[in-house]
Amino acid sequence: MLIQALVRRISAEGGFAAVLHRGDSISGAILVSCPDADRKSRLFERMPDFSGGYGLVPVARSSWGDEDQITDYIVRRRNADPDLWVVELDIPNGERFAAAILGDD
């Protein structure tokens, strides 16, 4: 499973990953929260790309750095999609690891 692979990779690299919400193992969308160098939250989502594969795409960019807005966005998404996975990564450049595991790179 992709989520388990991501959590193991982050742990192996000396970081911490937490699954904040478990979604459907087959059809669940995946949101990844990663802080930037200033510890401001950013959100990314695994989405299909034009080549037929998957990539990690920034979402809710206007909310980046505002914890309350990020939380509200996640709550709205979870209410609309109970199959949604939400994972928080605490490691520098966490989106790089997430893209390597969740994308088709």
Protein backbone atom coordinates (compact mmCIF):
# COMPACT_ATOMS: atom_id res chain seq x y z
CA MET A 1 0.00 0.00 0.00
CA LEU A 2 1.23 3.47 -0.89
CA ILE A 3 0.56 5.03 2.51
CA GLN A 4 2.53 2.36 4.37
CA ALA A 5 5.41 2.73 1.92
CA LEU A 6 5.43 6.51 2.44
CA VAL A 7 5.39 6.19 6.25
CA ARG A 8 8.24 3.64 6.16
CA ARG A 9 10.32 5.80 3.80
CA ILE A 10 9.91 8.92 5.95
CA SER A 11 10.84 6.93 9.07
CA ALA A 12 13.89 5.42 7.34
CA GLU A 13 15.03 8.94 6.40
CA GLY A 14 14.80 10.08 10.05
CA GLY A 15 11.49 11.91 9.80
CA PHE A 16 8.04 11.32 11.21
CA ALA A 17 4.83 10.54 9.35
CA ALA A 18 1.35 10.38 10.85
CA VAL A 19 -1.81 9.11 9.20
CA LEU A 20 -4.39 11.65 10.35
CA HIS A 21 -7.31 10.01 8.55
CA ARG A 22 -7.55 6.54 7.06
CA GLY A 23 -9.39 6.32 3.78
CA ASP A 24 -10.34 3.52 1.46
CA SER A 25 -7.33 1.40 0.54
CA ILE A 26 -8.40 1.10 -3.10
CA SER A 27 -10.26 4.24 -4.10
CA GLY A 28 -9.25 6.82 -1.51
CA ALA A 29 -7.69 10.11 -2.61
CA ILE A 30 -4.52 11.10 -0.73
CA LEU A 31 -3.78 14.50 0.85
CA VAL A 32 -0.27 15.11 2.19
CA SER A 33 0.55 17.92 4.62
CA CYS A 34 4.21 19.00 4.61
CA PRO A 35 5.71 21.99 6.42
CA ASP A 36 8.11 24.21 4.50
CA ALA A 37 11.49 25.39 5.84
CA ASP A 38 9.69 28.00 7.99
CA ARG A 39 7.38 25.29 9.43
CA LYS A 40 4.36 26.67 7.54
CA SER A 41 1.90 24.00 6.45
CA ARG A 42 1.46 23.14 2.79
CA LEU A 43 -0.92 20.65 1.19
CA PHE A 44 -0.43 18.35 -1.77
CA GLU A 45 -2.76 15.82 -3.35
CA ARG A 46 -2.09 12.75 -5.43
CA MET A 47 -3.92 13.30 -8.70
CA PRO A 48 -4.02 11.72 -12.15
CA ASP A 49 -1.84 13.49 -14.70
CA PHE A 50 -2.16 13.88 -18.46
CA SER A 51 0.11 10.92 -19.17
CA GLY A 52 -2.29 8.51 -17.47
CA GLY A 53 -0.17 8.22 -14.33
CA TYR A 54 -0.22 10.09 -11.03
CA GLY A 55 1.57 13.10 -9.64
CA LEU A 56 1.65 15.18 -6.48
CA VAL A 57 -0.11 18.51 -7.01
CA PRO A 58 -0.19 21.54 -4.65
CA VAL A 59 -3.71 22.29 -3.36
CA ALA A 60 -5.28 25.08 -1.26
CA ARG A 61 -2.25 27.30 -1.93
CA SER A 62 -4.03 30.40 -0.64
CA SER A 63 -4.25 28.67 2.76
CA TRP A 64 -0.61 27.63 3.03
CA GLY A 65 0.88 28.76 6.32
CA ASP A 66 -2.50 29.27 8.00
CA GLU A 67 -3.15 26.24 10.22
CA ASP A 68 -6.84 27.07 10.74
CA GLN A 69 -7.51 27.37 7.01
CA ILE A 70 -5.57 24.19 6.29
CA THR A 71 -7.57 22.34 8.94
CA ASP A 72 -10.84 23.72 7.56
CA TYR A 73 -9.87 22.59 4.05
CA ILE A 74 -9.07 19.08 5.28
CA VAL A 75 -12.36 18.87 7.22
CA ARG A 76 -14.34 20.00 4.16
CA ARG A 77 -12.58 17.45 1.98
CA ARG A 78 -13.15 14.66 4.51
CA ASN A 79 -16.84 15.55 4.76
CA ALA A 80 -17.15 15.44 0.97
CA ASP A 81 -15.00 12.31 0.58
CA PRO A 82 -14.95 9.88 3.53
CA ASP A 83 -12.53 7.66 1.55
CA LEU A 84 -9.86 10.39 1.74
CA TRP A 85 -6.46 9.64 3.28
CA VAL A 86 -4.70 12.48 5.13
CA VAL A 87 -1.00 12.07 5.94
CA GLU A 88 1.25 14.57 7.70
CA LEU A 89 5.00 14.44 7.06
CA ASP A 90 7.54 15.99 9.40
CA ILE A 91 10.77 15.91 7.43
CA PRO A 92 12.55 18.56 5.36
CA ASN A 93 11.31 18.55 1.75
CA GLY A 94 8.61 16.02 2.60
CA GLU A 95 6.85 16.62 -0.70
CA ARG A 96 9.90 15.21 -2.49
CA PHE A 97 9.52 11.88 -0.68
CA ALA A 98 5.75 11.92 -1.17
CA ALA A 99 6.15 12.56 -4.91
CA ALA A 100 8.64 9.70 -5.21
CA ILE A 101 6.28 7.22 -3.52
CA LEU A 102 2.86 8.50 -4.63
CA GLY A 103 3.72 9.68 -8.13
CA ASP A 104 4.88 7.75 -11.14
CA ASP A 105 8.43 9.15 -11.14
